Protein backbone atom coordinates (compact mmCIF):
# COMPACT_ATOMS: atom_id res chain seq x y z
CA UNK A 1 17.76 -35.93 51.79
CA UNK A 2 19.81 -32.75 51.12
CA UNK A 3 22.72 -34.74 49.61
CA UNK A 4 20.27 -36.72 47.31
CA UNK A 5 18.50 -33.45 46.25
CA UNK A 6 21.85 -31.75 45.41
CA UNK A 7 23.07 -34.82 43.56
CA UNK A 8 19.92 -35.24 41.42
CA UNK A 9 19.79 -31.43 40.76
CA UNK A 10 23.39 -31.19 39.71
CA UNK A 11 23.09 -34.31 37.59
CA UNK A 12 20.25 -32.81 35.66
CA UNK A 13 22.11 -29.53 35.14
CA UNK A 14 25.26 -31.47 33.95
CA UNK A 15 23.25 -33.57 31.52
CA UNK A 16 21.38 -30.57 30.20
CA UNK A 17 24.52 -28.45 29.73
CA UNK A 18 26.37 -31.32 28.12
CA UNK A 19 23.40 -31.95 25.74
CA UNK A 20 23.21 -28.29 24.68
CA UNK A 21 26.99 -27.93 24.38
CA UNK A 22 27.24 -30.96 22.15
CA UNK A 23 24.45 -30.02 19.90
CA UNK A 24 25.38 -26.41 19.71
CA UNK A 25 28.75 -27.50 18.46
CA UNK A 26 27.12 -29.94 15.94
CA UNK A 27 24.95 -27.20 14.40
CA UNK A 28 27.29 -24.25 14.83
CA UNK A 29 28.42 -24.48 11.29
CA UNK A 30 24.77 -24.12 10.14
CA UNK A 31 23.92 -20.94 12.17
CA UNK A 32 24.07 -17.52 10.52
CA UNK A 33 26.79 -15.35 12.20
CA UNK A 34 24.93 -12.20 12.95
CA UNK A 35 25.45 -8.86 14.65
CA UNK A 36 22.59 -6.85 16.19
CA UNK A 37 22.45 -3.15 15.30
CA UNK A 38 21.50 -1.51 18.59
CA UNK A 39 22.53 -1.68 22.25
CA UNK A 40 19.18 -0.75 23.88
CA UNK A 41 16.62 -2.83 25.74
CA UNK A 42 15.12 -3.97 22.43
CA UNK A 43 18.44 -5.18 21.19
CA UNK A 44 19.19 -6.97 24.46
CA UNK A 45 15.83 -8.74 24.39
CA UNK A 46 16.35 -9.93 20.79
CA UNK A 47 19.72 -11.39 21.72
CA UNK A 48 18.46 -13.07 24.90
CA UNK A 49 15.54 -14.53 22.98
CA UNK A 50 17.79 -15.86 20.16
CA UNK A 51 20.35 -17.29 22.50
CA UNK A 52 17.84 -19.30 24.50
CA UNK A 53 15.97 -20.59 21.41
CA UNK A 54 16.22 -24.21 20.40
CA UNK A 55 16.92 -25.11 17.75
CA UNK A 56 18.96 -22.03 17.03
CA UNK A 57 18.89 -20.01 13.75
CA UNK A 58 21.41 -17.31 14.44
CA UNK A 59 24.78 -17.08 16.28
CA UNK A 60 25.06 -13.59 17.72
CA UNK A 61 28.59 -12.31 17.60
CA UNK A 62 28.23 -8.71 18.77
CA UNK A 63 26.25 -5.54 19.00
CA UNK A 64 26.65 -2.20 17.22
CA UNK A 65 26.28 1.00 19.19
CA UNK A 66 25.86 4.00 16.79
CA UNK A 67 26.24 6.52 19.61
CA UNK A 68 29.87 5.20 20.21
CA UNK A 69 29.34 5.43 23.95
CA UNK A 70 29.90 1.86 24.94
CA UNK A 71 33.14 1.06 23.12
CA UNK A 72 35.16 -1.67 24.75
CA UNK A 73 32.16 -2.74 26.90
CA UNK A 74 30.44 -6.12 26.62
CA UNK A 75 26.82 -7.19 26.74
CA UNK A 76 25.84 -10.84 27.30
CA UNK A 77 29.53 -11.52 27.13
CA UNK A 78 29.57 -10.19 23.47
CA UNK A 79 31.52 -7.14 22.24
CA UNK A 80 29.76 -3.87 21.75
CA UNK A 81 31.21 -2.23 18.61
CA UNK A 82 31.19 1.52 18.20
CA UNK A 83 30.18 2.64 14.75
CA UNK A 84 33.43 4.45 14.00
CA UNK A 85 33.83 2.81 10.70
CA UNK A 86 31.50 1.60 7.91
CA UNK A 87 29.12 -1.10 9.03
CA UNK A 88 30.55 -3.48 6.42
CA UNK A 89 34.05 -3.08 7.95
CA UNK A 90 32.71 -3.88 11.43
CA UNK A 91 30.90 -6.94 10.08
CA UNK A 92 34.12 -8.11 8.35
CA UNK A 93 36.01 -7.77 11.58
CA UNK A 94 33.82 -10.21 13.43
CA UNK A 95 33.20 -12.43 10.44
CA UNK A 96 29.47 -11.76 10.49
CA UNK A 97 27.24 -12.86 7.61
CA UNK A 98 24.15 -10.80 8.48
CA UNK A 99 22.79 -7.92 10.55
CA UNK A 100 19.58 -7.57 12.54
CA UNK A 101 18.22 -4.04 12.69
CA UNK A 102 16.87 -3.86 16.30
CA UNK A 103 17.41 -0.06 16.85
CA UNK A 104 14.00 1.50 16.17
CA UNK A 105 15.26 5.02 16.53
CA UNK A 106 16.96 4.66 13.13
CA UNK A 107 15.82 7.21 10.50
CA UNK A 108 14.82 5.98 7.13
CA UNK A 109 17.88 7.71 5.69
CA UNK A 110 20.18 5.98 8.22
CA UNK A 111 18.52 2.63 7.54
CA UNK A 112 18.98 2.97 3.76
CA UNK A 113 22.57 3.84 4.28
CA UNK A 114 23.16 0.65 6.37
CA UNK A 115 21.30 -1.43 3.84
CA UNK A 116 23.19 -0.05 0.90
CA UNK A 117 26.55 -0.89 2.54
CA UNK A 118 25.47 -4.43 3.35
CA UNK A 119 24.00 -5.17 0.03
CA UNK A 120 27.18 -3.91 -1.70
CA UNK A 121 29.19 -6.52 0.24
CA UNK A 122 26.55 -9.30 -0.03
CA UNK A 123 25.60 -9.28 3.69
CA UNK A 124 22.08 -10.26 4.70
CA UNK A 125 19.85 -7.76 6.39
CA UNK A 126 17.01 -8.64 8.81
CA UNK A 127 14.33 -6.69 10.71
CA UNK A 128 12.69 -7.57 13.97
CA UNK A 129 9.55 -6.24 15.63
CA UNK A 130 9.51 -4.12 18.76
CA UNK A 131 9.36 -6.03 22.13
CA UNK A 132 5.83 -4.68 22.64
CA UNK A 133 4.77 -6.48 19.43
CA UNK A 134 6.08 -9.93 20.43
CA UNK A 135 3.43 -12.52 20.85
CA UNK A 136 5.73 -15.42 21.96
CA UNK A 137 9.32 -14.73 22.99
CA UNK A 138 10.18 -18.36 22.30
CA UNK A 139 9.40 -17.97 18.68
CA UNK A 140 11.10 -14.66 18.02
CA UNK A 141 13.37 -15.96 15.27
CA UNK A 142 10.19 -16.60 13.19
CA UNK A 143 9.47 -12.91 13.50
CA UNK A 144 12.93 -11.99 12.21
CA UNK A 145 12.52 -11.61 8.45
CA UNK A 146 14.60 -10.60 5.50
CA UNK A 147 14.32 -6.77 4.86
CA UNK A 148 11.78 -6.13 2.19
CA UNK A 149 11.50 -3.18 -0.19
CA UNK A 150 8.41 -1.94 1.79
CA UNK A 151 10.65 -1.44 4.81
CA UNK A 152 12.87 0.96 2.92
CA UNK A 153 10.04 2.95 1.41
CA UNK A 154 8.07 3.04 4.64
CA UNK A 155 7.61 6.53 6.07
CA UNK A 156 6.59 7.79 9.54
CA UNK A 157 3.37 6.08 10.97
CA UNK A 158 0.25 7.92 10.10
CA UNK A 159 -1.64 9.45 12.96
CA UNK A 160 -5.42 9.51 12.17
CA UNK A 161 -8.31 11.11 13.99
CA UNK A 162 -10.00 7.93 15.19
CA UNK A 163 -12.80 9.81 17.01
CA UNK A 164 -13.98 11.51 13.85
CA UNK A 165 -13.89 8.29 11.80
CA UNK A 166 -15.69 6.42 14.66
CA UNK A 167 -18.42 9.23 14.59
CA UNK A 168 -18.77 8.72 10.91
CA UNK A 169 -18.89 4.87 10.76
CA UNK A 170 -20.09 3.59 14.22
CA UNK A 171 -23.54 1.91 13.85
CA UNK A 172 -23.78 2.98 10.19
CA UNK A 173 -24.47 0.87 7.04
CA UNK A 174 -21.41 1.11 4.81
CA UNK A 175 -21.40 0.05 1.21
CA UNK A 176 -18.00 -0.66 -0.47
CA UNK A 177 -17.62 -1.32 -4.15
CA UNK A 178 -14.54 -3.15 -5.58
CA UNK A 179 -14.49 -4.79 -2.19
CA UNK A 180 -12.37 -7.81 -3.43
CA UNK A 181 -9.64 -5.55 -4.78
CA UNK A 182 -6.49 -4.77 -3.01
CA UNK A 183 -7.68 -1.24 -1.99
CA UNK A 184 -11.28 -2.19 -1.39
CA UNK A 185 -10.48 -5.22 0.85
CA UNK A 186 -8.18 -3.12 3.04
CA UNK A 187 -10.91 -0.45 3.35
CA UNK A 188 -13.26 -3.27 4.43
CA UNK A 189 -10.79 -4.46 7.11
CA UNK A 190 -10.29 -0.98 8.42
CA UNK A 191 -13.89 -0.02 8.42
CA UNK A 192 -14.75 -2.99 10.52
CA UNK A 193 -12.55 -1.69 13.23
CA UNK A 194 -15.01 1.15 13.84
CA UNK A 195 -18.04 -1.07 14.71
CA UNK A 196 -20.34 -0.23 11.68
CA UNK A 197 -23.93 -1.70 11.90
CA UNK A 198 -23.49 -3.41 8.52
CA UNK A 199 -20.92 -3.62 5.71
CA UNK A 200 -22.21 -4.40 2.21
CA UNK A 201 -19.42 -5.72 -0.04
CA UNK A 202 -19.89 -5.39 -3.78
CA UNK A 203 -17.63 -6.86 -6.43
CA UNK A 204 -18.06 -8.69 -9.81
CA UNK A 205 -15.02 -10.89 -9.18
CA UNK A 206 -16.41 -14.03 -7.63
CA UNK A 207 -13.28 -15.84 -6.48
CA UNK A 208 -11.48 -12.94 -4.75
CA UNK A 209 -14.76 -11.95 -3.10
CA UNK A 210 -15.18 -15.48 -1.75
CA UNK A 211 -11.65 -15.52 -0.42
CA UNK A 212 -12.43 -12.17 1.33
CA UNK A 213 -15.65 -13.59 2.70
CA UNK A 214 -13.83 -16.60 4.24
CA UNK A 215 -11.27 -14.19 5.79
CA UNK A 216 -13.94 -11.98 7.30
CA UNK A 217 -15.88 -15.04 8.68
CA UNK A 218 -12.92 -15.72 10.98
CA UNK A 219 -13.19 -12.16 12.49
CA UNK A 220 -14.78 -11.45 15.85
CA UNK A 221 -17.17 -8.63 14.84
CA UNK A 222 -20.72 -7.63 15.73
CA UNK A 223 -21.12 -5.89 12.29
CA UNK A 224 -23.41 -7.72 9.74
CA UNK A 225 -21.45 -8.48 6.59
CA UNK A 226 -23.20 -9.05 3.28
CA UNK A 227 -21.17 -10.07 0.18
CA UNK A 228 -22.92 -9.27 -3.13
CA UNK A 229 -21.92 -10.22 -6.66
CA UNK A 230 -22.77 -7.13 -8.60
CA UNK A 231 -21.46 -5.05 -11.44
CA UNK A 232 -21.40 -1.16 -10.97
CA UNK A 233 -22.42 -0.82 -14.63
CA UNK A 234 -25.82 -2.55 -13.83
CA UNK A 235 -27.94 0.31 -12.33
CA UNK A 236 -31.02 -1.84 -11.80
CA UNK A 237 -29.05 -4.32 -9.62
CA UNK A 238 -27.47 -1.56 -7.74
CA UNK A 239 -30.83 0.13 -7.14
CA UNK A 240 -32.25 -2.92 -5.56
CA UNK A 241 -29.10 -3.04 -3.26
CA UNK A 242 -29.62 0.58 -2.29
CA UNK A 243 -33.34 0.04 -1.77
CA UNK A 244 -32.85 -3.04 0.46
CA UNK A 245 -29.84 -2.02 2.49
CA UNK A 246 -30.25 1.81 2.68
CA UNK A 247 -26.46 2.54 2.95
CA UNK A 248 -25.44 5.75 4.74
CA UNK A 249 -21.83 5.74 3.64
CA UNK A 250 -20.38 4.67 0.30
CA UNK A 251 -16.81 3.93 -0.50
CA UNK A 252 -16.33 3.63 -4.28
CA UNK A 253 -13.19 1.67 -5.11
CA UNK A 254 -14.45 -0.31 -8.16
CA UNK A 255 -12.59 0.54 -11.31
CA UNK A 256 -10.54 -0.71 -14.22
CA UNK A 257 -6.96 0.46 -13.49
CA UNK A 258 -4.45 -1.10 -15.88
CA UNK A 259 -3.20 1.59 -18.25
CA UNK A 260 -2.19 -0.64 -21.27
CA UNK A 261 -5.47 -2.65 -21.12
CA UNK A 262 -7.70 0.41 -20.98
CA UNK A 263 -5.79 1.99 -23.88
CA UNK A 264 -6.84 -0.99 -25.94
CA UNK A 265 -10.43 -1.15 -24.58
CA UNK A 266 -11.45 2.48 -24.01
CA UNK A 267 -15.19 1.56 -24.11
CA UNK A 268 -14.72 -0.64 -21.00
CA UNK A 269 -12.96 2.24 -19.23
CA UNK A 270 -15.92 4.45 -19.93
CA UNK A 271 -18.64 1.89 -18.94
CA UNK A 272 -16.98 0.96 -15.64
CA UNK A 273 -15.02 4.00 -14.52
CA UNK A 274 -17.47 6.68 -15.75
CA UNK A 275 -20.90 5.00 -16.14
CA UNK A 276 -20.37 2.87 -13.01
CA UNK A 277 -19.41 5.86 -10.97
CA UNK A 278 -22.40 7.83 -12.35
CA UNK A 279 -24.80 5.03 -11.41
CA UNK A 280 -23.58 4.90 -7.83
CA UNK A 281 -23.42 8.69 -7.43
CA UNK A 282 -26.91 9.19 -8.83
CA UNK A 283 -28.27 6.45 -6.44
CA UNK A 284 -26.50 7.90 -3.54
CA UNK A 285 -28.47 11.20 -4.16
CA UNK A 286 -31.63 9.30 -4.74
CA UNK A 287 -31.35 7.28 -1.52
CA UNK A 288 -29.92 10.28 0.53
CA UNK A 289 -26.59 8.55 1.32
CA UNK A 290 -24.64 10.84 3.81
CA UNK A 291 -21.25 10.59 2.27
CA UNK A 292 -19.91 9.30 -1.00
CA UNK A 293 -16.15 8.79 -1.11
CA UNK A 294 -14.62 8.01 -4.41
CA UNK A 295 -11.13 6.46 -4.84
CA UNK A 296 -9.19 8.14 -7.69
CA UNK A 297 -5.67 8.12 -8.96
CA UNK A 298 -2.79 10.52 -9.72
CA UNK A 299 -3.10 9.28 -13.26
CA UNK A 300 -6.27 11.54 -13.50
CA UNK A 301 -3.91 14.58 -13.42
CA UNK A 302 -2.99 15.93 -16.80
CA UNK A 303 -3.91 12.51 -18.09
CA UNK A 304 -1.79 10.87 -20.82
CA UNK A 305 -3.96 7.68 -21.17
CA UNK A 306 -7.60 6.56 -21.39
CA UNK A 307 -7.61 5.14 -17.88
CA UNK A 308 -6.46 8.40 -16.28
CA UNK A 309 -8.82 10.46 -18.42
CA UNK A 310 -11.73 8.23 -17.51
CA UNK A 311 -11.01 8.78 -13.78
CA UNK A 312 -10.73 12.49 -14.32
CA UNK A 313 -14.18 12.57 -16.01
CA UNK A 314 -15.60 10.54 -13.04
CA UNK A 315 -14.01 13.11 -10.62
CA UNK A 316 -15.63 15.92 -12.59
CA UNK A 317 -19.03 14.33 -12.43
CA UNK A 318 -18.86 13.62 -8.66
CA UNK A 319 -17.72 17.18 -8.03
CA UNK A 320 -20.43 18.63 -10.28
CA UNK A 321 -23.13 16.86 -8.18
CA UNK A 322 -22.11 18.72 -5.21
CA UNK A 323 -22.05 22.06 -7.12
CA UNK A 324 -25.50 21.25 -8.51
CA UNK A 325 -26.85 20.74 -5.01
CA UNK A 326 -25.63 24.16 -3.97
CA UNK A 327 -27.93 25.73 -6.58
CA UNK A 328 -30.98 23.42 -6.24
CA UNK A 329 -33.75 24.43 -3.80
CA UNK A 330 -34.22 20.76 -2.72
CA UNK A 331 -30.64 19.61 -2.34
CA UNK A 332 -29.53 16.05 -1.67
CA UNK A 333 -27.88 15.59 1.76
CA UNK A 334 -25.07 13.56 0.12
CA UNK A 335 -21.58 14.95 0.48
CA UNK A 336 -19.38 13.88 -2.44
CA UNK A 337 -15.68 13.43 -1.69
CA UNK A 338 -12.80 12.37 -3.86
CA UNK A 339 -9.38 11.00 -2.73
CA UNK A 340 -6.46 10.93 -5.10
CA UNK A 341 -3.15 9.05 -4.55
CA UNK A 342 -0.43 7.31 -6.54
CA UNK A 343 0.79 3.77 -6.77
CA UNK A 344 0.14 1.42 -3.87
CA UNK A 345 2.76 -1.15 -2.92
CA UNK A 346 1.56 -4.71 -3.15
CA UNK A 347 -1.60 -3.97 -4.92
CA UNK A 348 -2.88 -6.31 -7.67
CA UNK A 349 -0.79 -5.80 -10.74
CA UNK A 350 1.67 -3.35 -9.25
CA UNK A 351 5.30 -3.35 -9.99
CA UNK A 352 6.73 -4.81 -6.60
CA UNK A 353 4.74 -8.18 -6.89
CA UNK A 354 5.71 -8.31 -10.54
CA UNK A 355 9.48 -7.81 -9.81
CA UNK A 356 9.22 -10.38 -6.98
CA UNK A 357 7.79 -12.94 -9.32
CA UNK A 358 10.43 -12.25 -12.09
CA UNK A 359 13.28 -12.53 -9.53
CA UNK A 360 11.99 -15.81 -8.20
CA UNK A 361 11.82 -17.11 -11.78
CA UNK A 362 15.50 -16.16 -12.33
CA UNK A 363 14.75 -12.97 -14.43
CA UNK A 364 14.92 -10.95 -16.31
CA UNK A 365 13.40 -8.08 -14.45
CA UNK A 366 11.58 -5.88 -16.96
CA UNK A 367 11.11 -2.05 -16.70
CA UNK A 368 9.74 0.17 -19.32
CA UNK A 369 12.34 3.00 -19.07
CA UNK A 370 15.51 3.63 -17.18
CA UNK A 371 14.32 7.01 -15.89
CA UNK A 372 10.75 6.33 -15.05
CA UNK A 373 9.75 7.40 -11.58
CA UNK A 374 6.58 6.77 -9.41
CA UNK A 375 5.15 7.73 -6.10
CA UNK A 376 4.37 4.89 -3.73
CA UNK A 377 2.24 4.19 -0.55
CA UNK A 378 1.47 1.12 1.37
CA UNK A 379 -2.11 -0.19 1.05
CA UNK A 380 -2.66 0.30 4.74
CA UNK A 381 -1.39 3.84 4.63
CA UNK A 382 -3.53 4.83 1.61
CA UNK A 383 -6.74 3.33 3.15
CA UNK A 384 -6.06 5.11 6.55
CA UNK A 385 -5.91 8.43 4.71
CA UNK A 386 -9.11 7.56 2.68
CA UNK A 387 -10.95 7.03 5.91
CA UNK A 388 -9.54 10.18 7.45
CA UNK A 389 -10.30 12.31 4.36
CA UNK A 390 -13.83 10.81 4.26
CA UNK A 391 -14.42 11.94 7.85
CA UNK A 392 -13.12 15.48 7.31
CA UNK A 393 -14.80 16.09 4.03
CA UNK A 394 -17.57 18.56 3.73
CA UNK A 395 -18.54 17.86 0.15
CA UNK A 396 -16.96 18.82 -3.25
CA UNK A 397 -13.31 18.40 -2.22
CA UNK A 398 -10.54 16.42 -4.08
CA UNK A 399 -8.23 15.32 -1.32
CA UNK A 400 -4.60 14.60 -2.38
CA UNK A 401 -2.24 12.66 -0.21
CA UNK A 402 1.44 13.39 0.67
CA UNK A 403 3.12 10.54 -1.36
CA UNK A 404 6.73 11.30 -0.10
CA UNK A 405 9.52 11.35 -2.52
CA UNK A 406 9.23 9.72 -5.91
CA UNK A 407 11.06 6.43 -6.46
CA UNK A 408 13.09 5.62 -9.67
CA UNK A 409 11.84 2.17 -10.78
CA UNK A 410 15.30 1.13 -11.97
CA UNK A 411 16.71 1.79 -8.56
CA UNK A 412 13.72 -0.11 -7.07
CA UNK A 413 14.63 -3.18 -9.29
CA UNK A 414 18.31 -2.93 -8.34
CA UNK A 415 17.48 -2.95 -4.71
CA UNK A 416 14.87 -5.78 -4.80
CA UNK A 417 17.44 -8.04 -6.65
CA UNK A 418 20.05 -7.27 -4.00
CA UNK A 419 17.66 -7.87 -1.11
CA UNK A 420 16.72 -11.34 -2.63
CA UNK A 421 20.51 -12.20 -2.39
CA UNK A 422 21.43 -11.80 -6.07
CA UNK A 423 23.85 -9.61 -7.92
CA UNK A 424 22.08 -7.22 -10.59
CA UNK A 425 23.13 -7.85 -14.26
CA UNK A 426 25.12 -10.88 -13.10
CA UNK A 427 22.62 -13.31 -11.54
CA UNK A 428 19.54 -11.35 -12.56
CA UNK A 429 19.39 -9.22 -15.67
CA UNK A 430 17.44 -6.05 -15.98
CA UNK A 431 15.72 -5.61 -19.32
CA UNK A 432 14.47 -2.26 -20.62
CA UNK A 433 11.34 -2.92 -22.76
CA UNK A 434 10.10 0.58 -23.66
CA UNK A 435 7.17 2.63 -22.42
CA UNK A 436 3.78 1.10 -22.65
CA UNK A 437 0.84 2.76 -24.55
CA UNK A 438 -0.31 5.70 -22.55
CA UNK A 439 2.49 5.63 -20.07
CA UNK A 440 4.54 8.72 -18.96
CA UNK A 441 7.83 8.97 -17.21
CA UNK A 442 6.42 10.67 -14.11
CA UNK A 443 3.06 11.14 -12.47
CA UNK A 444 1.67 14.38 -10.89
CA UNK A 445 -0.80 15.00 -8.10
CA UNK A 446 -2.04 18.42 -9.39
CA UNK A 447 -3.17 19.80 -12.71
CA UNK A 448 -1.14 22.63 -14.11
CA UNK A 449 -3.82 25.21 -13.13
CA UNK A 450 -4.53 23.70 -9.66
CA UNK A 451 -3.57 24.92 -6.19
CA UNK A 452 -3.68 23.15 -2.89
CA UNK A 453 -5.18 24.02 0.55
CA UNK A 454 -3.83 22.55 3.68
CA UNK A 455 -5.95 20.59 6.15
CA UNK A 456 -5.36 19.78 9.81
CA UNK A 457 -3.69 16.51 8.68
CA UNK A 458 -0.22 17.08 7.43
CA UNK A 459 -0.42 14.33 4.76
CA UNK A 460 -3.76 15.40 3.29
CA UNK A 461 -4.29 18.50 1.18
CA UNK A 462 -7.27 19.72 -0.89
CA UNK A 463 -6.83 20.30 -4.64
CA UNK A 464 -8.62 23.39 -5.92
CA UNK A 465 -9.72 22.28 -9.39
CA UNK A 466 -11.81 24.26 -11.85
CA UNK A 467 -15.32 22.87 -11.54
CA UNK A 468 -17.54 22.23 -14.51
CA UNK A 469 -21.19 23.35 -14.77
CA UNK A 470 -23.40 20.33 -14.11
CA UNK A 471 -25.88 20.47 -16.96
CA UNK A 472 -23.29 20.62 -19.87
CA UNK A 473 -21.12 17.96 -18.17
CA UNK A 474 -24.08 15.82 -17.75
CA UNK A 475 -24.98 16.08 -21.44
CA UNK A 476 -21.35 15.32 -22.48
CA UNK A 477 -21.08 12.36 -20.21
CA UNK A 478 -24.34 10.94 -21.49
CA UNK A 479 -23.12 11.34 -25.01
CA UNK A 480 -19.78 9.65 -24.17
CA UNK A 481 -21.56 6.63 -22.65
CA UNK A 482 -23.69 6.39 -25.71
CA UNK A 483 -20.66 6.40 -27.97
CA UNK A 484 -18.96 3.84 -25.69
CA UNK A 485 -21.84 1.41 -26.35
CA UNK A 486 -20.92 1.37 -29.99
CA UNK A 487 -17.18 0.55 -29.17
CA UNK A 488 -15.80 3.22 -31.62
CA UNK A 489 -12.36 3.76 -30.01
CA UNK A 490 -11.38 6.93 -31.98
CA UNK A 491 -14.82 8.57 -31.35
CA UNK A 492 -14.68 7.65 -27.63
CA UNK A 493 -11.26 9.16 -27.14
CA UNK A 494 -12.05 12.29 -29.14
CA UNK A 495 -15.01 12.86 -26.92
CA UNK A 496 -12.94 12.26 -23.77
CA UNK A 497 -10.41 14.90 -25.02
CA UNK A 498 -13.24 17.40 -25.52
CA UNK A 499 -14.44 16.89 -21.80
CA UNK A 500 -10.84 16.93 -20.48
CA UNK A 501 -8.84 19.36 -22.56
CA UNK A 502 -5.51 18.57 -20.72
CA UNK A 503 -5.83 14.86 -21.81
CA UNK A 504 -2.74 14.56 -24.22
CA UNK A 505 -2.04 10.99 -25.34
CA UNK A 506 1.50 9.72 -24.96
CA UNK A 507 3.06 6.69 -26.64
CA UNK A 508 -0.42 5.88 -28.02
CA UNK A 509 -2.15 5.38 -31.27
CA UNK A 510 -4.56 8.17 -30.14
CA UNK A 511 -1.77 10.74 -30.43
CA UNK A 512 -3.18 11.56 -33.88
CA UNK A 513 -6.21 13.02 -32.21
CA UNK A 514 -4.07 15.73 -30.58
CA UNK A 515 -2.57 16.97 -33.85
């Protein structure tokens, strides 16, 4: 019995080893020769998972130890290379084609340095999640993905006060406008994590709202979700929604945001960005909403275009309602809060998806100016800060977010082309097309006369803006909306400039109004 068992067992082992050895040789030429950057438990687990995977995708040829403490040692019978030379030289020495970044202690600066060296020498760069994030070790190679531009722009994870946000949202009815947009839909997803009683989704875009509805139906949540087709410009429809659902928290993300389009259609910017905000803010007062959080933009600061100026006027109106309540004997309990941040990576119409599409089509990648710079945040990061600011706000504040360092768009285009495996100006051309109407080279987060106050969150500050008296601002805005209904572009913009004196048009037909 013992001999039979041993014979059968050894036969199975022999067949399995022979089979694996034969097929590994057959496919060896198809595997990507790769080194793993790191020599800790995460790197070891990645290597083990990749070696045991069938069919294989990578051939691991070594590890890199940046601390240089394990030189001449081996791990999994593979060499550990001390980083005494440039990473590209180490890769060349072992004939590696790519590198997997498995060392999660790398700073963003160190990561960028490694990526730059690899891209200069046409080596592939991959990232891998932490061991704790693995759902299935057998499918780890599916989790290893090409490095994306978001990975390089990513900053430290945001720590938010979940208890304060929970206190604000739990068992509350939350209304979100622009819910089908990139920012609005992420706010919806994050709000649902805090167990609201109901979430009312409003958008005029039928198809995106339908897609979001299908996504939310798959979630396991006790919150009631209502998706409503409505335009923030239609006050009668909005009033019926407020009357029926009695929202306690409002997140206002609905807006027209594309600068060149709004420069050509200023009346639409007024009717949606200003009149729509006014409708919601007035109804929030009328139906005693607890908090009204408006999503604004850095383009509202020293605006150079119609879109930015329209958002600045909306900011002014929302702030003035808080100032009005301070002087009224019977004040509304509504706290009006504004959040202001820059460009969001991956949002609809943003530069990163545009570049990705242009690269996929073989180019050219188009940028408006070689020296143009922008601030960037991820969608998730921006929405986390919106919830945090909404929870800490006491009314009347304009919260601005720490956007990190500005990014030169030309450098962004170069990096994206290289990450896609192409050589800039050889495989993919970069074409300078000139600044668009209303566009400026850089954006600001503060007006020239503004100051900031710190908050308990290091990434959130309060902008101290000069506040307008409610009655005069109300008269001016009513007049502006009246002019917008006649679609007289020059009259509309002239009135906007009187309400926002710092609005100076750039690269626009409306520059004549500033002379």
